[in-house]
Amino acid sequence: ALNRLSMLMEPRKIYILPGNHDYYHFNISGDERLRGMVEAAGMNWVQ
């Protein structure tokens, strides 16, 4: 999903806020891992 967004515009212009589905098959306390994925893609985490 992050790779698909990066094809639309420069990653630095993209900001990601998690919703409930972004925790499915995951855990609600896992924001730091999600932040790491977003920032590794060059995007911005905005929780």
ModelCIF file with pLDDT and N, C-alpha, C, O atoms, coordinates in Angstrom:
data_MODEL
#
_entry.id   MODEL 
#
_entity.id                         1 
_entity.type                       polymer 
_entity.pdbx_number_of_molecules   1 
#
_entity_poly.entity_id                      1 
_entity_poly.type                           'polypeptide(L)' 
_entity_poly.nstd_linkage                   no 
_entity_poly.nstd_monomer                   no 
_entity_poly.pdbx_seq_one_letter_code       ALNRLSMLMEPRKIYILPGNHDYYHFNISGDERLRGMVEAAGMNWVQ 
_entity_poly.pdbx_seq_one_letter_code_can   ALNRLSMLMEPRKIYILPGNHDYYHFNISGDERLRGMVEAAGMNWVQ 
_entity_poly.pdbx_strand_id                 A 
#
loop_
_entity_poly_seq.entity_id 
_entity_poly_seq.num 
_entity_poly_seq.mon_id 
_entity_poly_seq.hetero 
1 1  ALA n 
1 2  LEU n 
1 3  ASN n 
1 4  ARG n 
1 5  LEU n 
1 6  SER n 
1 7  MET n 
1 8  LEU n 
1 9  MET n 
1 10 GLU n 
1 11 PRO n 
1 12 ARG n 
1 13 LYS n 
1 14 ILE n 
1 15 TYR n 
1 16 ILE n 
1 17 LEU n 
1 18 PRO n 
1 19 GLY n 
1 20 ASN n 
1 21 HIS n 
1 22 ASP n 
1 23 TYR n 
1 24 TYR n 
1 25 HIS n 
1 26 PHE n 
1 27 ASN n 
1 28 ILE n 
1 29 SER n 
1 30 GLY n 
1 31 ASP n 
1 32 GLU n 
1 33 ARG n 
1 34 LEU n 
1 35 ARG n 
1 36 GLY n 
1 37 MET n 
1 38 VAL n 
1 39 GLU n 
1 40 ALA n 
1 41 ALA n 
1 42 GLY n 
1 43 MET n 
1 44 ASN n 
1 45 TRP n 
1 46 VAL n 
1 47 GLN n 
#
_struct_asym.id          A 
_struct_asym.entity_id   1 
#
loop_
_ma_qa_metric.id 
_ma_qa_metric.mode 
_ma_qa_metric.name 
_ma_qa_metric.software_group_id 
_ma_qa_metric.type 
1 global pLDDT . pLDDT 
2 local  pLDDT . pLDDT 
#
_ma_qa_metric_global.metric_id      1 
_ma_qa_metric_global.metric_value   97.64 
_ma_qa_metric_global.model_id       1 
_ma_qa_metric_global.ordinal_id     1 
#
loop_
_ma_qa_metric_local.label_asym_id 
_ma_qa_metric_local.label_comp_id 
_ma_qa_metric_local.label_seq_id 
_ma_qa_metric_local.metric_id 
_ma_qa_metric_local.metric_value 
_ma_qa_metric_local.model_id 
_ma_qa_metric_local.ordinal_id 
A ALA 1  2 98.00 1 1  
A LEU 2  2 98.00 1 2  
A ASN 3  2 98.00 1 3  
A ARG 4  2 97.00 1 4  
A LEU 5  2 98.00 1 5  
A SER 6  2 97.00 1 6  
A MET 7  2 96.00 1 7  
A LEU 8  2 95.00 1 8  
A MET 9  2 96.00 1 9  
A GLU 10 2 97.00 1 10 
A PRO 11 2 98.00 1 11 
A ARG 12 2 98.00 1 12 
A LYS 13 2 97.00 1 13 
A ILE 14 2 98.00 1 14 
A TYR 15 2 98.00 1 15 
A ILE 16 2 98.00 1 16 
A LEU 17 2 98.00 1 17 
A PRO 18 2 98.00 1 18 
A GLY 19 2 98.00 1 19 
A ASN 20 2 98.00 1 20 
A HIS 21 2 98.00 1 21 
A ASP 22 2 98.00 1 22 
A TYR 23 2 98.00 1 23 
A TYR 24 2 98.00 1 24 
A HIS 25 2 98.00 1 25 
A PHE 26 2 98.00 1 26 
A ASN 27 2 97.00 1 27 
A ILE 28 2 97.00 1 28 
A SER 29 2 96.00 1 29 
A GLY 30 2 97.00 1 30 
A ASP 31 2 98.00 1 31 
A GLU 32 2 97.00 1 32 
A ARG 33 2 98.00 1 33 
A LEU 34 2 98.00 1 34 
A ARG 35 2 98.00 1 35 
A GLY 36 2 98.00 1 36 
A MET 37 2 98.00 1 37 
A VAL 38 2 98.00 1 38 
A GLU 39 2 98.00 1 39 
A ALA 40 2 98.00 1 40 
A ALA 41 2 98.00 1 41 
A GLY 42 2 98.00 1 42 
A MET 43 2 98.00 1 43 
A ASN 44 2 98.00 1 44 
A TRP 45 2 98.00 1 45 
A VAL 46 2 98.00 1 46 
A GLN 47 2 98.00 1 47 
#
loop_
_atom_site.group_PDB 
_atom_site.id 
_atom_site.type_symbol 
_atom_site.label_atom_id 
_atom_site.label_alt_id 
_atom_site.label_comp_id 
_atom_site.label_asym_id 
_atom_site.label_entity_id 
_atom_site.label_seq_id 
_atom_site.pdbx_PDB_ins_code 
_atom_site.Cartn_x 
_atom_site.Cartn_y 
_atom_site.Cartn_z 
_atom_site.occupancy 
_atom_site.B_iso_or_equiv 
_atom_site.pdbx_formal_charge 
_atom_site.auth_seq_id 
_atom_site.auth_comp_id 
_atom_site.auth_asym_id 
_atom_site.auth_atom_id 
_atom_site.pdbx_PDB_model_num 
ATOM 1   N N  . ALA A 1 1  ? 0.815  -1.209 0.000  1.00 98.00 ? 1  ALA A N  1 
ATOM 2   C CA . ALA A 1 1  ? 0.000  0.000  0.000  1.00 98.00 ? 1  ALA A CA 1 
ATOM 3   C C  . ALA A 1 1  ? 0.854  1.267  0.000  1.00 98.00 ? 1  ALA A C  1 
ATOM 4   O O  . ALA A 1 1  ? 0.570  2.211  -0.736 1.00 98.00 ? 1  ALA A O  1 
ATOM 5   N N  . LEU A 1 2  ? 1.888  1.283  0.818  1.00 98.00 ? 2  LEU A N  1 
ATOM 6   C CA . LEU A 1 2  ? 2.770  2.452  0.857  1.00 98.00 ? 2  LEU A CA 1 
ATOM 7   C C  . LEU A 1 2  ? 3.506  2.626  -0.462 1.00 98.00 ? 2  LEU A C  1 
ATOM 8   O O  . LEU A 1 2  ? 3.708  3.750  -0.921 1.00 98.00 ? 2  LEU A O  1 
ATOM 9   N N  . ASN A 1 3  ? 3.901  1.531  -1.063 1.00 98.00 ? 3  ASN A N  1 
ATOM 10  C CA . ASN A 1 3  ? 4.563  1.609  -2.357 1.00 98.00 ? 3  ASN A CA 1 
ATOM 11  C C  . ASN A 1 3  ? 3.626  2.186  -3.417 1.00 98.00 ? 3  ASN A C  1 
ATOM 12  O O  . ASN A 1 3  ? 4.043  2.978  -4.262 1.00 98.00 ? 3  ASN A O  1 
ATOM 13  N N  . ARG A 1 4  ? 2.343  1.777  -3.363 1.00 97.00 ? 4  ARG A N  1 
ATOM 14  C CA . ARG A 1 4  ? 1.381  2.310  -4.344 1.00 97.00 ? 4  ARG A CA 1 
ATOM 15  C C  . ARG A 1 4  ? 1.213  3.811  -4.162 1.00 97.00 ? 4  ARG A C  1 
ATOM 16  O O  . ARG A 1 4  ? 1.151  4.541  -5.151 1.00 97.00 ? 4  ARG A O  1 
ATOM 17  N N  . LEU A 1 5  ? 1.139  4.288  -2.930 1.00 98.00 ? 5  LEU A N  1 
ATOM 18  C CA . LEU A 1 5  ? 1.027  5.729  -2.705 1.00 98.00 ? 5  LEU A CA 1 
ATOM 19  C C  . LEU A 1 5  ? 2.256  6.465  -3.214 1.00 98.00 ? 5  LEU A C  1 
ATOM 20  O O  . LEU A 1 5  ? 2.147  7.570  -3.746 1.00 98.00 ? 5  LEU A O  1 
ATOM 21  N N  . SER A 1 6  ? 3.421  5.857  -3.051 1.00 97.00 ? 6  SER A N  1 
ATOM 22  C CA . SER A 1 6  ? 4.661  6.522  -3.477 1.00 97.00 ? 6  SER A CA 1 
ATOM 23  C C  . SER A 1 6  ? 4.716  6.703  -4.989 1.00 97.00 ? 6  SER A C  1 
ATOM 24  O O  . SER A 1 6  ? 5.499  7.513  -5.486 1.00 97.00 ? 6  SER A O  1 
ATOM 25  N N  . MET A 1 7  ? 3.897  5.960  -5.723 1.00 96.00 ? 7  MET A N  1 
ATOM 26  C CA . MET A 1 7  ? 3.842  6.122  -7.171 1.00 96.00 ? 7  MET A CA 1 
ATOM 27  C C  . MET A 1 7  ? 2.990  7.323  -7.579 1.00 96.00 ? 7  MET A C  1 
ATOM 28  O O  . MET A 1 7  ? 3.053  7.776  -8.722 1.00 96.00 ? 7  MET A O  1 
ATOM 29  N N  . LEU A 1 8  ? 2.197  7.835  -6.642 1.00 95.00 ? 8  LEU A N  1 
ATOM 30  C CA . LEU A 1 8  ? 1.313  8.956  -6.944 1.00 95.00 ? 8  LEU A CA 1 
ATOM 31  C C  . LEU A 1 8  ? 2.015  10.301 -6.796 1.00 95.00 ? 8  LEU A C  1 
ATOM 32  O O  . LEU A 1 8  ? 1.764  11.233 -7.561 1.00 95.00 ? 8  LEU A O  1 
ATOM 33  N N  . MET A 1 9  ? 2.904  10.389 -5.796 1.00 96.00 ? 9  MET A N  1 
ATOM 34  C CA . MET A 1 9  ? 3.588  11.651 -5.511 1.00 96.00 ? 9  MET A CA 1 
ATOM 35  C C  . MET A 1 9  ? 4.791  11.368 -4.629 1.00 96.00 ? 9  MET A C  1 
ATOM 36  O O  . MET A 1 9  ? 4.981  10.246 -4.159 1.00 96.00 ? 9  MET A O  1 
ATOM 37  N N  . GLU A 1 10 ? 5.592  12.382 -4.412 1.00 97.00 ? 10 GLU A N  1 
ATOM 38  C CA . GLU A 1 10 ? 6.777  12.217 -3.569 1.00 97.00 ? 10 GLU A CA 1 
ATOM 39  C C  . GLU A 1 10 ? 6.357  11.770 -2.168 1.00 97.00 ? 10 GLU A C  1 
ATOM 40  O O  . GLU A 1 10 ? 5.443  12.352 -1.583 1.00 97.00 ? 10 GLU A O  1 
ATOM 41  N N  . PRO A 1 11 ? 7.015  10.742 -1.625 1.00 98.00 ? 11 PRO A N  1 
ATOM 42  C CA . PRO A 1 11 ? 6.635  10.251 -0.298 1.00 98.00 ? 11 PRO A CA 1 
ATOM 43  C C  . PRO A 1 11 ? 6.613  11.327 0.778  1.00 98.00 ? 11 PRO A C  1 
ATOM 44  O O  . PRO A 1 11 ? 5.782  11.261 1.684  1.00 98.00 ? 11 PRO A O  1 
ATOM 45  N N  . ARG A 1 12 ? 7.498  12.314 0.710  1.00 98.00 ? 12 ARG A N  1 
ATOM 46  C CA . ARG A 1 12 ? 7.549  13.341 1.757  1.00 98.00 ? 12 ARG A CA 1 
ATOM 47  C C  . ARG A 1 12 ? 6.262  14.173 1.820  1.00 98.00 ? 12 ARG A C  1 
ATOM 48  O O  . ARG A 1 12 ? 6.025  14.867 2.809  1.00 98.00 ? 12 ARG A O  1 
ATOM 49  N N  . LYS A 1 13 ? 5.441  14.109 0.788  1.00 97.00 ? 13 LYS A N  1 
ATOM 50  C CA . LYS A 1 13 ? 4.183  14.850 0.752  1.00 97.00 ? 13 LYS A CA 1 
ATOM 51  C C  . LYS A 1 13 ? 3.017  14.060 1.347  1.00 97.00 ? 13 LYS A C  1 
ATOM 52  O O  . LYS A 1 13 ? 1.894  14.560 1.406  1.00 97.00 ? 13 LYS A O  1 
ATOM 53  N N  . ILE A 1 14 ? 3.283  12.830 1.786  1.00 98.00 ? 14 ILE A N  1 
ATOM 54  C CA . ILE A 1 14 ? 2.220  11.918 2.208  1.00 98.00 ? 14 ILE A CA 1 
ATOM 55  C C  . ILE A 1 14 ? 2.239  11.745 3.730  1.00 98.00 ? 14 ILE A C  1 
ATOM 56  O O  . ILE A 1 14 ? 3.299  11.558 4.328  1.00 98.00 ? 14 ILE A O  1 
ATOM 57  N N  . TYR A 1 15 ? 1.058  11.811 4.344  1.00 98.00 ? 15 TYR A N  1 
ATOM 58  C CA . TYR A 1 15 ? 0.892  11.714 5.787  1.00 98.00 ? 15 TYR A CA 1 
ATOM 59  C C  . TYR A 1 15 ? -0.102 10.597 6.090  1.00 98.00 ? 15 TYR A C  1 
ATOM 60  O O  . TYR A 1 15 ? -1.177 10.534 5.494  1.00 98.00 ? 15 TYR A O  1 
ATOM 61  N N  . ILE A 1 16 ? 0.265  9.719  7.018  1.00 98.00 ? 16 ILE A N  1 
ATOM 62  C CA . ILE A 1 16 ? -0.534 8.540  7.307  1.00 98.00 ? 16 ILE A CA 1 
ATOM 63  C C  . ILE A 1 16 ? -1.039 8.568  8.756  1.00 98.00 ? 16 ILE A C  1 
ATOM 64  O O  . ILE A 1 16 ? -0.253 8.657  9.699  1.00 98.00 ? 16 ILE A O  1 
ATOM 65  N N  . LEU A 1 17 ? -2.356 8.490  8.911  1.00 98.00 ? 17 LEU A N  1 
ATOM 66  C CA . LEU A 1 17 ? -3.023 8.368  10.207 1.00 98.00 ? 17 LEU A CA 1 
ATOM 67  C C  . LEU A 1 17 ? -3.704 7.001  10.240 1.00 98.00 ? 17 LEU A C  1 
ATOM 68  O O  . LEU A 1 17 ? -4.415 6.668  9.291  1.00 98.00 ? 17 LEU A O  1 
ATOM 69  N N  . PRO A 1 18 ? -3.521 6.198  11.281 1.00 98.00 ? 18 PRO A N  1 
ATOM 70  C CA . PRO A 1 18 ? -4.121 4.868  11.285 1.00 98.00 ? 18 PRO A CA 1 
ATOM 71  C C  . PRO A 1 18 ? -5.614 4.887  11.622 1.00 98.00 ? 18 PRO A C  1 
ATOM 72  O O  . PRO A 1 18 ? -6.089 5.713  12.402 1.00 98.00 ? 18 PRO A O  1 
ATOM 73  N N  . GLY A 1 19 ? -6.334 3.948  11.007 1.00 98.00 ? 19 GLY A N  1 
ATOM 74  C CA . GLY A 1 19 ? -7.722 3.685  11.359 1.00 98.00 ? 19 GLY A CA 1 
ATOM 75  C C  . GLY A 1 19 ? -7.839 2.323  12.014 1.00 98.00 ? 19 GLY A C  1 
ATOM 76  O O  . GLY A 1 19 ? -6.830 1.660  12.255 1.00 98.00 ? 19 GLY A O  1 
ATOM 77  N N  . ASN A 1 20 ? -9.039 1.907  12.300 1.00 98.00 ? 20 ASN A N  1 
ATOM 78  C CA . ASN A 1 20 ? -9.214 0.625  12.986 1.00 98.00 ? 20 ASN A CA 1 
ATOM 79  C C  . ASN A 1 20 ? -8.699 -0.555 12.155 1.00 98.00 ? 20 ASN A C  1 
ATOM 80  O O  . ASN A 1 20 ? -8.083 -1.470 12.702 1.00 98.00 ? 20 ASN A O  1 
ATOM 81  N N  . HIS A 1 21 ? -8.942 -0.543 10.847 1.00 98.00 ? 21 HIS A N  1 
ATOM 82  C CA . HIS A 1 21 ? -8.500 -1.666 10.009 1.00 98.00 ? 21 HIS A CA 1 
ATOM 83  C C  . HIS A 1 21 ? -6.979 -1.779 9.944  1.00 98.00 ? 21 HIS A C  1 
ATOM 84  O O  . HIS A 1 21 ? -6.451 -2.853 9.655  1.00 98.00 ? 21 HIS A O  1 
ATOM 85  N N  . ASP A 1 22 ? -6.285 -0.704 10.204 1.00 98.00 ? 22 ASP A N  1 
ATOM 86  C CA . ASP A 1 22 ? -4.822 -0.743 10.164 1.00 98.00 ? 22 ASP A CA 1 
ATOM 87  C C  . ASP A 1 22 ? -4.235 -1.511 11.341 1.00 98.00 ? 22 ASP A C  1 
ATOM 88  O O  . ASP A 1 22 ? -3.026 -1.737 11.398 1.00 98.00 ? 22 ASP A O  1 
ATOM 89  N N  . TYR A 1 23 ? -5.087 -1.913 12.279 1.00 98.00 ? 23 TYR A N  1 
ATOM 90  C CA . TYR A 1 23 ? -4.652 -2.749 13.392 1.00 98.00 ? 23 TYR A CA 1 
ATOM 91  C C  . TYR A 1 23 ? -5.152 -4.194 13.273 1.00 98.00 ? 23 TYR A C  1 
ATOM 92  O O  . TYR A 1 23 ? -4.871 -5.014 14.147 1.00 98.00 ? 23 TYR A O  1 
ATOM 93  N N  . TYR A 1 24 ? -5.891 -4.515 12.201 1.00 98.00 ? 24 TYR A N  1 
ATOM 94  C CA . TYR A 1 24 ? -6.410 -5.881 12.059 1.00 98.00 ? 24 TYR A CA 1 
ATOM 95  C C  . TYR A 1 24 ? -5.253 -6.873 11.911 1.00 98.00 ? 24 TYR A C  1 
ATOM 96  O O  . TYR A 1 24 ? -4.306 -6.629 11.164 1.00 98.00 ? 24 TYR A O  1 
ATOM 97  N N  . HIS A 1 25 ? -5.343 -7.989 12.632 1.00 98.00 ? 25 HIS A N  1 
ATOM 98  C CA . HIS A 1 25 ? -4.287 -8.998 12.693 1.00 98.00 ? 25 HIS A CA 1 
ATOM 99  C C  . HIS A 1 25 ? -2.988 -8.378 13.221 1.00 98.00 ? 25 HIS A C  1 
ATOM 100 O O  . HIS A 1 25 ? -1.885 -8.770 12.842 1.00 98.00 ? 25 HIS A O  1 
ATOM 101 N N  . PHE A 1 26 ? -3.162 -7.406 14.100 1.00 98.00 ? 26 PHE A N  1 
ATOM 102 C CA . PHE A 1 26 ? -2.050 -6.675 14.703 1.00 98.00 ? 26 PHE A CA 1 
ATOM 103 C C  . PHE A 1 26 ? -2.516 -6.275 16.097 1.00 98.00 ? 26 PHE A C  1 
ATOM 104 O O  . PHE A 1 26 ? -3.468 -6.858 16.616 1.00 98.00 ? 26 PHE A O  1 
ATOM 105 N N  . ASN A 1 27 ? -1.869 -5.298 16.710 1.00 97.00 ? 27 ASN A N  1 
ATOM 106 C CA . ASN A 1 27 ? -2.260 -4.902 18.062 1.00 97.00 ? 27 ASN A CA 1 
ATOM 107 C C  . ASN A 1 27 ? -2.337 -3.388 18.207 1.00 97.00 ? 27 ASN A C  1 
ATOM 108 O O  . ASN A 1 27 ? -1.614 -2.645 17.544 1.00 97.00 ? 27 ASN A O  1 
ATOM 109 N N  . ILE A 1 28 ? -3.223 -2.953 19.085 1.00 97.00 ? 28 ILE A N  1 
ATOM 110 C CA . ILE A 1 28 ? -3.512 -1.531 19.240 1.00 97.00 ? 28 ILE A CA 1 
ATOM 111 C C  . ILE A 1 28 ? -2.343 -0.764 19.837 1.00 97.00 ? 28 ILE A C  1 
ATOM 112 O O  . ILE A 1 28 ? -2.295 0.462  19.746 1.00 97.00 ? 28 ILE A O  1 
ATOM 113 N N  . SER A 1 29 ? -1.401 -1.473 20.447 1.00 96.00 ? 29 SER A N  1 
ATOM 114 C CA . SER A 1 29 ? -0.242 -0.813 21.055 1.00 96.00 ? 29 SER A CA 1 
ATOM 115 C C  . SER A 1 29 ? 0.961  -0.790 20.106 1.00 96.00 ? 29 SER A C  1 
ATOM 116 O O  . SER A 1 29 ? 2.079  -0.485 20.522 1.00 96.00 ? 29 SER A O  1 
ATOM 117 N N  . GLY A 1 30 ? 0.728  -1.113 18.839 1.00 97.00 ? 30 GLY A N  1 
ATOM 118 C CA . GLY A 1 30 ? 1.840  -1.246 17.899 1.00 97.00 ? 30 GLY A CA 1 
ATOM 119 C C  . GLY A 1 30 ? 2.143  -0.028 17.064 1.00 97.00 ? 30 GLY A C  1 
ATOM 120 O O  . GLY A 1 30 ? 2.707  -0.156 15.977 1.00 97.00 ? 30 GLY A O  1 
ATOM 121 N N  . ASP A 1 31 ? 1.782  1.167  17.542 1.00 98.00 ? 31 ASP A N  1 
ATOM 122 C CA . ASP A 1 31 ? 1.979  2.374  16.737 1.00 98.00 ? 31 ASP A CA 1 
ATOM 123 C C  . ASP A 1 31 ? 3.435  2.620  16.356 1.00 98.00 ? 31 ASP A C  1 
ATOM 124 O O  . ASP A 1 31 ? 3.710  3.102  15.258 1.00 98.00 ? 31 ASP A O  1 
ATOM 125 N N  . GLU A 1 32 ? 4.361  2.300  17.237 1.00 97.00 ? 32 GLU A N  1 
ATOM 126 C CA . GLU A 1 32 ? 5.761  2.573  16.901 1.00 97.00 ? 32 GLU A CA 1 
ATOM 127 C C  . GLU A 1 32 ? 6.228  1.713  15.721 1.00 97.00 ? 32 GLU A C  1 
ATOM 128 O O  . GLU A 1 32 ? 7.029  2.164  14.902 1.00 97.00 ? 32 GLU A O  1 
ATOM 129 N N  . ARG A 1 33 ? 5.734  0.497  15.638 1.00 98.00 ? 33 ARG A N  1 
ATOM 130 C CA . ARG A 1 33 ? 6.092  -0.333 14.482 1.00 98.00 ? 33 ARG A CA 1 
ATOM 131 C C  . ARG A 1 33 ? 5.467  0.224  13.204 1.00 98.00 ? 33 ARG A C  1 
ATOM 132 O O  . ARG A 1 33 ? 6.109  0.241  12.154 1.00 98.00 ? 33 ARG A O  1 
ATOM 133 N N  . LEU A 1 34 ? 4.215  0.679  13.294 1.00 98.00 ? 34 LEU A N  1 
ATOM 134 C CA . LEU A 1 34 ? 3.584  1.290  12.121 1.00 98.00 ? 34 LEU A CA 1 
ATOM 135 C C  . LEU A 1 34 ? 4.305  2.577  11.732 1.00 98.00 ? 34 LEU A C  1 
ATOM 136 O O  . LEU A 1 34 ? 4.539  2.830  10.550 1.00 98.00 ? 34 LEU A O  1 
ATOM 137 N N  . ARG A 1 35 ? 4.654  3.384  12.721 1.00 98.00 ? 35 ARG A N  1 
ATOM 138 C CA . ARG A 1 35 ? 5.420  4.606  12.439 1.00 98.00 ? 35 ARG A CA 1 
ATOM 139 C C  . ARG A 1 35 ? 6.712  4.270  11.698 1.00 98.00 ? 35 ARG A C  1 
ATOM 140 O O  . ARG A 1 35 ? 7.084  4.949  10.741 1.00 98.00 ? 35 ARG A O  1 
ATOM 141 N N  . GLY A 1 36 ? 7.393  3.216  12.150 1.00 98.00 ? 36 GLY A N  1 
ATOM 142 C CA . GLY A 1 36 ? 8.642  2.831  11.503 1.00 98.00 ? 36 GLY A CA 1 
ATOM 143 C C  . GLY A 1 36 ? 8.446  2.457  10.049 1.00 98.00 ? 36 GLY A C  1 
ATOM 144 O O  . GLY A 1 36 ? 9.282  2.792  9.210  1.00 98.00 ? 36 GLY A O  1 
ATOM 145 N N  . MET A 1 37 ? 7.363  1.772  9.731  1.00 98.00 ? 37 MET A N  1 
ATOM 146 C CA . MET A 1 37 ? 7.085  1.401  8.348  1.00 98.00 ? 37 MET A CA 1 
ATOM 147 C C  . MET A 1 37 ? 6.824  2.641  7.495  1.00 98.00 ? 37 MET A C  1 
ATOM 148 O O  . MET A 1 37 ? 7.308  2.751  6.368  1.00 98.00 ? 37 MET A O  1 
ATOM 149 N N  . VAL A 1 38 ? 6.051  3.569  8.053  1.00 98.00 ? 38 VAL A N  1 
ATOM 150 C CA . VAL A 1 38 ? 5.733  4.797  7.324  1.00 98.00 ? 38 VAL A CA 1 
ATOM 151 C C  . VAL A 1 38 ? 6.997  5.623  7.080  1.00 98.00 ? 38 VAL A C  1 
ATOM 152 O O  . VAL A 1 38 ? 7.237  6.087  5.966  1.00 98.00 ? 38 VAL A O  1 
ATOM 153 N N  . GLU A 1 39 ? 7.788  5.800  8.113  1.00 98.00 ? 39 GLU A N  1 
ATOM 154 C CA . GLU A 1 39 ? 8.983  6.628  7.972  1.00 98.00 ? 39 GLU A CA 1 
ATOM 155 C C  . GLU A 1 39 ? 10.038 5.963  7.102  1.00 98.00 ? 39 GLU A C  1 
ATOM 156 O O  . GLU A 1 39 ? 10.788 6.652  6.411  1.00 98.00 ? 39 GLU A O  1 
ATOM 157 N N  . ALA A 1 40 ? 10.111 4.623  7.122  1.00 98.00 ? 40 ALA A N  1 
ATOM 158 C CA . ALA A 1 40 ? 11.037 3.921  6.233  1.00 98.00 ? 40 ALA A CA 1 
ATOM 159 C C  . ALA A 1 40 ? 10.660 4.124  4.769  1.00 98.00 ? 40 ALA A C  1 
ATOM 160 O O  . ALA A 1 40 ? 11.514 4.058  3.885  1.00 98.00 ? 40 ALA A O  1 
ATOM 161 N N  . ALA A 1 41 ? 9.370  4.371  4.519  1.00 98.00 ? 41 ALA A N  1 
ATOM 162 C CA . ALA A 1 41 ? 8.905  4.644  3.154  1.00 98.00 ? 41 ALA A CA 1 
ATOM 163 C C  . ALA A 1 41 ? 9.075  6.108  2.774  1.00 98.00 ? 41 ALA A C  1 
ATOM 164 O O  . ALA A 1 41 ? 8.716  6.511  1.667  1.00 98.00 ? 41 ALA A O  1 
ATOM 165 N N  . GLY A 1 42 ? 9.624  6.910  3.696  1.00 98.00 ? 42 GLY A N  1 
ATOM 166 C CA . GLY A 1 42 ? 9.851  8.327  3.423  1.00 98.00 ? 42 GLY A CA 1 
ATOM 167 C C  . GLY A 1 42 ? 8.642  9.200  3.655  1.00 98.00 ? 42 GLY A C  1 
ATOM 168 O O  . GLY A 1 42 ? 8.623  10.362 3.252  1.00 98.00 ? 42 GLY A O  1 
ATOM 169 N N  . MET A 1 43 ? 7.615  8.641  4.312  1.00 98.00 ? 43 MET A N  1 
ATOM 170 C CA . MET A 1 43 ? 6.371  9.360  4.553  1.00 98.00 ? 43 MET A CA 1 
ATOM 171 C C  . MET A 1 43 ? 6.291  9.813  6.008  1.00 98.00 ? 43 MET A C  1 
ATOM 172 O O  . MET A 1 43 ? 7.230  9.614  6.779  1.00 98.00 ? 43 MET A O  1 
ATOM 173 N N  . ASN A 1 44 ? 5.181  10.415 6.373  1.00 98.00 ? 44 ASN A N  1 
ATOM 174 C CA . ASN A 1 44 ? 5.025  11.044 7.678  1.00 98.00 ? 44 ASN A CA 1 
ATOM 175 C C  . ASN A 1 44 ? 3.914  10.370 8.472  1.00 98.00 ? 44 ASN A C  1 
ATOM 176 O O  . ASN A 1 44 ? 2.822  10.138 7.953  1.00 98.00 ? 44 ASN A O  1 
ATOM 177 N N  . TRP A 1 45 ? 4.197  10.056 9.729  1.00 98.00 ? 45 TRP A N  1 
ATOM 178 C CA . TRP A 1 45 ? 3.243  9.439  10.639 1.00 98.00 ? 45 TRP A CA 1 
ATOM 179 C C  . TRP A 1 45 ? 2.563  10.543 11.432 1.00 98.00 ? 45 TRP A C  1 
ATOM 180 O O  . TRP A 1 45 ? 3.248  11.397 11.995 1.00 98.00 ? 45 TRP A O  1 
ATOM 181 N N  . VAL A 1 46 ? 1.227  10.552 11.494 1.00 98.00 ? 46 VAL A N  1 
ATOM 182 C CA . VAL A 1 46 ? 0.542  11.693 12.105 1.00 98.00 ? 46 VAL A CA 1 
ATOM 183 C C  . VAL A 1 46 ? -0.514 11.280 13.128 1.00 98.00 ? 46 VAL A C  1 
ATOM 184 O O  . VAL A 1 46 ? -1.596 11.864 13.174 1.00 98.00 ? 46 VAL A O  1 
ATOM 185 N N  . GLN A 1 47 ? -0.206 10.283 13.942 1.00 98.00 ? 47 GLN A N  1 
ATOM 186 C CA . GLN A 1 47 ? -1.066 9.996  15.090 1.00 98.00 ? 47 GLN A CA 1 
ATOM 187 C C  . GLN A 1 47 ? -0.807 11.032 16.172 1.00 98.00 ? 47 GLN A C  1 
ATOM 188 O O  . GLN A 1 47 ? -1.426 10.983 17.234 1.00 98.00 ? 47 GLN A O  1 
#
